[in-house]
Amino acid sequence: MKTITFALAAAAATLSLSAQAKISSQSEMNGYNACVAAAADDHNGLVLSRVYYLSEQADKNVYYVNGTAWENGDRVDVRIACDTSANGRTLLSQTSNYGRFAIEGGTDAFDVAAQ
């Protein structure tokens, strides 16, 4: 799988998408849940997109999640990126910024509502 990189200072980030949204494994959901729980503390009224994106690497998974949150009385776009252990039990890092991940084409997409 292609490694994805992004700059938090950039106005928009680019990811890859290869297939329609599918169901995650338990370890993938563990990582997703750890990721969004950490981000919820940073954003007032965080509402997440029902689809998240995942880049699986040899020793970790990288999650990309779009959402919205309240900022100074307005809803703003928020993008969240997290690294977790391959089994999803350990959150290695979490960053969030304003904006959205734009999808172009290579990473798997998962539909949280299908879980």
Foldseek 3Di string as FASTA:
>chain_A
DDDADFDQPDQEAEDAEADPADADDPLVVLQVVVQVVVVPVVFAPKDWDQKKWWDDDDFWIKIKTWTWGDDPNDIFIKIKIWIATNSNNGTPDIDMHTHHYDYDHDIYMHGNVVD
